[in-house]
Amino acid sequence: MTRLYRLSIPAGMPLSETFQIASIKALLSEPDCTALRIYYGKKEDGTIHAILVGVNEKGEDITDGIILEEAFRCPPICTANSPLTR
Protein backbone atom coordinates (compact mmCIF):
# COMPACT_ATOMS: atom_id res chain seq x y z
CA MET A 1 0.00 0.00 0.00
CA THR A 2 2.81 2.44 0.79
CA ARG A 3 4.39 1.74 -2.61
CA LEU A 4 1.15 2.50 -4.46
CA TYR A 5 0.74 5.66 -2.41
CA ARG A 6 4.29 6.82 -3.23
CA LEU A 7 3.65 6.21 -6.93
CA SER A 8 0.69 8.58 -6.92
CA ILE A 9 1.30 10.82 -3.92
CA PRO A 10 -0.86 13.94 -4.01
CA ALA A 11 1.01 17.24 -3.83
CA GLY A 12 1.74 18.36 -0.30
CA MET A 13 1.12 14.98 1.31
CA PRO A 14 3.80 13.52 3.58
CA LEU A 15 5.18 10.00 3.24
CA SER A 16 4.88 9.55 6.99
CA GLU A 17 4.85 11.27 10.35
CA THR A 18 6.54 10.11 13.54
CA PHE A 19 4.98 10.71 16.95
CA GLN A 20 6.92 10.25 20.19
CA ILE A 21 5.96 7.13 22.17
CA ALA A 22 5.45 9.15 25.36
CA SER A 23 2.83 11.27 23.57
CA ILE A 24 1.06 8.18 22.20
CA LYS A 25 1.03 6.55 25.65
CA ALA A 26 -0.39 9.72 27.21
CA LEU A 27 -3.12 9.85 24.57
CA LEU A 28 -4.05 6.18 25.03
CA SER A 29 -4.06 6.63 28.83
CA GLU A 30 -6.82 9.25 28.66
CA PRO A 31 -9.89 8.23 30.71
CA ASP A 32 -12.34 6.16 28.59
CA CYS A 33 -9.92 5.87 25.65
CA THR A 34 -10.39 2.52 23.89
CA ALA A 35 -9.08 3.33 20.41
CA LEU A 36 -7.10 5.80 18.35
CA ARG A 37 -8.42 7.78 15.38
CA ILE A 38 -6.31 9.55 12.76
CA TYR A 39 -7.56 12.68 11.05
CA TYR A 40 -5.76 14.76 8.48
CA GLY A 41 -5.51 18.51 8.71
CA LYS A 42 -3.89 21.37 6.90
CA LYS A 43 -1.78 24.11 8.45
CA GLU A 44 -2.08 27.67 7.20
CA ASP A 45 1.11 27.15 5.17
CA GLY A 46 -0.69 24.38 3.25
CA THR A 47 1.19 21.40 4.71
CA ILE A 48 -0.92 18.32 5.48
CA HIS A 49 -0.52 16.67 8.88
CA ALA A 50 -1.89 13.69 10.78
CA ILE A 51 -3.93 14.47 13.89
CA LEU A 52 -4.34 11.72 16.50
CA VAL A 53 -7.27 11.67 18.92
CA GLY A 54 -8.51 9.13 21.44
CA VAL A 55 -11.86 7.42 20.91
CA ASN A 56 -14.20 6.10 23.61
CA GLU A 57 -16.11 2.81 23.59
CA LYS A 58 -19.08 4.52 21.90
CA GLY A 59 -16.84 5.47 18.96
CA GLU A 60 -16.83 9.16 19.93
CA ASP A 61 -13.76 11.39 19.70
CA ILE A 62 -12.33 12.48 23.04
CA THR A 63 -11.83 16.13 22.16
CA ASP A 64 -11.51 17.49 25.69
CA GLY A 65 -8.26 15.62 26.28
CA ILE A 66 -4.96 15.15 24.53
CA ILE A 67 -4.92 15.66 20.77
CA LEU A 68 -1.63 15.07 18.97
CA GLU A 69 -0.94 17.43 16.10
CA GLU A 70 2.83 17.86 16.04
CA ALA A 71 5.01 15.09 14.62
CA PHE A 72 8.25 14.70 12.72
CA ARG A 73 7.14 14.87 9.09
CA CYS A 74 8.71 12.94 6.21
CA PRO A 75 9.95 14.65 4.20
CA PRO A 76 12.18 16.21 5.48
CA ILE A 77 12.81 13.85 8.44
CA CYS A 78 12.78 10.39 6.82
CA THR A 79 14.31 7.02 7.44
CA ALA A 80 16.47 5.78 4.58
CA ASN A 81 16.42 2.10 5.51
CA SER A 82 12.71 1.29 5.60
CA PRO A 83 11.14 -0.74 2.79
CA LEU A 84 8.01 1.35 3.45
CA THR A 85 9.71 4.43 2.01
CA ARG A 86 11.48 2.85 -0.98
C-alpha atoms as a PDB file:
ATOM      1  CA  MET A   1       0.000   0.000   0.000  1.00  0.00           C
ATOM      2  CA  THR A   2       2.812   2.438   0.787  1.00  0.00           C
ATOM      3  CA  ARG A   3       4.389   1.737  -2.606  1.00  0.00           C
ATOM      4  CA  LEU A   4       1.150   2.497  -4.460  1.00  0.00           C
ATOM      5  CA  TYR A   5       0.744   5.664  -2.407  1.00  0.00           C
ATOM      6  CA  ARG A   6       4.286   6.823  -3.229  1.00  0.00           C
ATOM      7  CA  LEU A   7       3.649   6.208  -6.933  1.00  0.00           C
ATOM      8  CA  SER A   8       0.685   8.577  -6.924  1.00  0.00           C
ATOM      9  CA  ILE A   9       1.300  10.818  -3.921  1.00  0.00           C
ATOM     10  CA  PRO A  10      -0.855  13.941  -4.014  1.00  0.00           C
ATOM     11  CA  ALA A  11       1.010  17.237  -3.831  1.00  0.00           C
ATOM     12  CA  GLY A  12       1.740  18.361  -0.298  1.00  0.00           C
ATOM     13  CA  MET A  13       1.122  14.984   1.314  1.00  0.00           C
ATOM     14  CA  PRO A  14       3.804  13.518   3.580  1.00  0.00           C
ATOM     15  CA  LEU A  15       5.176  10.003   3.241  1.00  0.00           C
ATOM     16  CA  SER A  16       4.881   9.550   6.987  1.00  0.00           C
ATOM     17  CA  GLU A  17       4.847  11.267  10.351  1.00  0.00           C
ATOM     18  CA  THR A  18       6.543  10.108  13.539  1.00  0.00           C
ATOM     19  CA  PHE A  19       4.984  10.706  16.954  1.00  0.00           C
ATOM     20  CA  GLN A  20       6.918  10.254  20.192  1.00  0.00           C
ATOM     21  CA  ILE A  21       5.961   7.126  22.170  1.00  0.00           C
ATOM     22  CA  ALA A  22       5.447   9.154  25.358  1.00  0.00           C
ATOM     23  CA  SER A  23       2.831  11.270  23.575  1.00  0.00           C
ATOM     24  CA  ILE A  24       1.058   8.179  22.204  1.00  0.00           C
ATOM     25  CA  LYS A  25       1.034   6.552  25.648  1.00  0.00           C
ATOM     26  CA  ALA A  26      -0.394   9.715  27.208  1.00  0.00           C
ATOM     27  CA  LEU A  27      -3.122   9.851  24.568  1.00  0.00           C
ATOM     28  CA  LEU A  28      -4.052   6.184  25.026  1.00  0.00           C
ATOM     29  CA  SER A  29      -4.055   6.635  28.826  1.00  0.00           C
ATOM     30  CA  GLU A  30      -6.821   9.252  28.662  1.00  0.00           C
ATOM     31  CA  PRO A  31      -9.895   8.227  30.710  1.00  0.00           C
ATOM     32  CA  ASP A  32     -12.345   6.165  28.592  1.00  0.00           C
ATOM     33  CA  CYS A  33      -9.918   5.871  25.653  1.00  0.00           C
ATOM     34  CA  THR A  34     -10.391   2.520  23.893  1.00  0.00           C
ATOM     35  CA  ALA A  35      -9.084   3.334  20.406  1.00  0.00           C
ATOM     36  CA  LEU A  36      -7.097   5.800  18.348  1.00  0.00           C
ATOM     37  CA  ARG A  37      -8.416   7.783  15.376  1.00  0.00           C
ATOM     38  CA  ILE A  38      -6.311   9.551  12.764  1.00  0.00           C
ATOM     39  CA  TYR A  39      -7.555  12.677  11.052  1.00  0.00           C
ATOM     40  CA  TYR A  40      -5.761  14.755   8.475  1.00  0.00           C
ATOM     41  CA  GLY A  41      -5.515  18.508   8.711  1.00  0.00           C
ATOM     42  CA  LYS A  42      -3.888  21.375   6.896  1.00  0.00           C
ATOM     43  CA  LYS A  43      -1.783  24.113   8.446  1.00  0.00           C
ATOM     44  CA  GLU A  44      -2.077  27.667   7.200  1.00  0.00           C
ATOM     45  CA  ASP A  45       1.111  27.151   5.169  1.00  0.00           C
ATOM     46  CA  GLY A  46      -0.687  24.377   3.248  1.00  0.00           C
ATOM     47  CA  THR A  47       1.187  21.402   4.706  1.00  0.00           C
ATOM     48  CA  ILE A  48      -0.921  18.324   5.475  1.00  0.00           C
ATOM     49  CA  HIS A  49      -0.524  16.672   8.883  1.00  0.00           C
ATOM     50  CA  ALA A  50      -1.893  13.692  10.776  1.00  0.00           C
ATOM     51  CA  ILE A  51      -3.926  14.470  13.894  1.00  0.00           C
ATOM     52  CA  LEU A  52      -4.344  11.717  16.499  1.00  0.00           C
ATOM     53  CA  VAL A  53      -7.266  11.671  18.917  1.00  0.00           C
ATOM     54  CA  GLY A  54      -8.510   9.125  21.435  1.00  0.00           C
ATOM     55  CA  VAL A  55     -11.861   7.422  20.909  1.00  0.00           C
ATOM     56  CA  ASN A  56     -14.202   6.104  23.611  1.00  0.00           C
ATOM     57  CA  GLU A  57     -16.105   2.811  23.586  1.00  0.00           C
ATOM     58  CA  LYS A  58     -19.075   4.521  21.902  1.00  0.00           C
ATOM     59  CA  GLY A  59     -16.841   5.472  18.962  1.00  0.00           C
ATOM     60  CA  GLU A  60     -16.826   9.158  19.927  1.00  0.00           C
ATOM     61  CA  ASP A  61     -13.760  11.389  19.696  1.00  0.00           C
ATOM     62  CA  ILE A  62     -12.329  12.476  23.041  1.00  0.00           C
ATOM     63  CA  THR A  63     -11.835  16.132  22.159  1.00  0.00           C
ATOM     64  CA  ASP A  64     -11.510  17.494  25.685  1.00  0.00           C
ATOM     65  CA  GLY A  65      -8.261  15.620  26.285  1.00  0.00           C
ATOM     66  CA  ILE A  66      -4.955  15.150  24.526  1.00  0.00           C
ATOM     67  CA  ILE A  67      -4.916  15.656  20.767  1.00  0.00           C
ATOM     68  CA  LEU A  68      -1.631  15.071  18.973  1.00  0.00           C
ATOM     69  CA  GLU A  69      -0.942  17.435  16.096  1.00  0.00           C
ATOM     70  CA  GLU A  70       2.829  17.856  16.038  1.00  0.00           C
ATOM     71  CA  ALA A  71       5.010  15.093  14.618  1.00  0.00           C
ATOM     72  CA  PHE A  72       8.249  14.700  12.720  1.00  0.00           C
ATOM     73  CA  ARG A  73       7.136  14.874   9.094  1.00  0.00           C
ATOM     74  CA  CYS A  74       8.714  12.939   6.214  1.00  0.00           C
ATOM     75  CA  PRO A  75       9.951  14.649   4.202  1.00  0.00           C
ATOM     76  CA  PRO A  76      12.178  16.208   5.477  1.00  0.00           C
ATOM     77  CA  ILE A  77      12.806  13.853   8.435  1.00  0.00           C
ATOM     78  CA  CYS A  78      12.777  10.395   6.819  1.00  0.00           C
ATOM     79  CA  THR A  79      14.313   7.016   7.436  1.00  0.00           C
ATOM     80  CA  ALA A  80      16.468   5.784   4.577  1.00  0.00           C
ATOM     81  CA  ASN A  81      16.417   2.102   5.508  1.00  0.00           C
ATOM     82  CA  SER A  82      12.708   1.293   5.596  1.00  0.00           C
ATOM     83  CA  PRO A  83      11.139  -0.742   2.791  1.00  0.00           C
ATOM     84  CA  LEU A  84       8.009   1.346   3.446  1.00  0.00           C
ATOM     85  CA  THR A  85       9.707   4.432   2.006  1.00  0.00           C
ATOM     86  CA  ARG A  86      11.481   2.846  -0.979  1.00  0.00           C
END
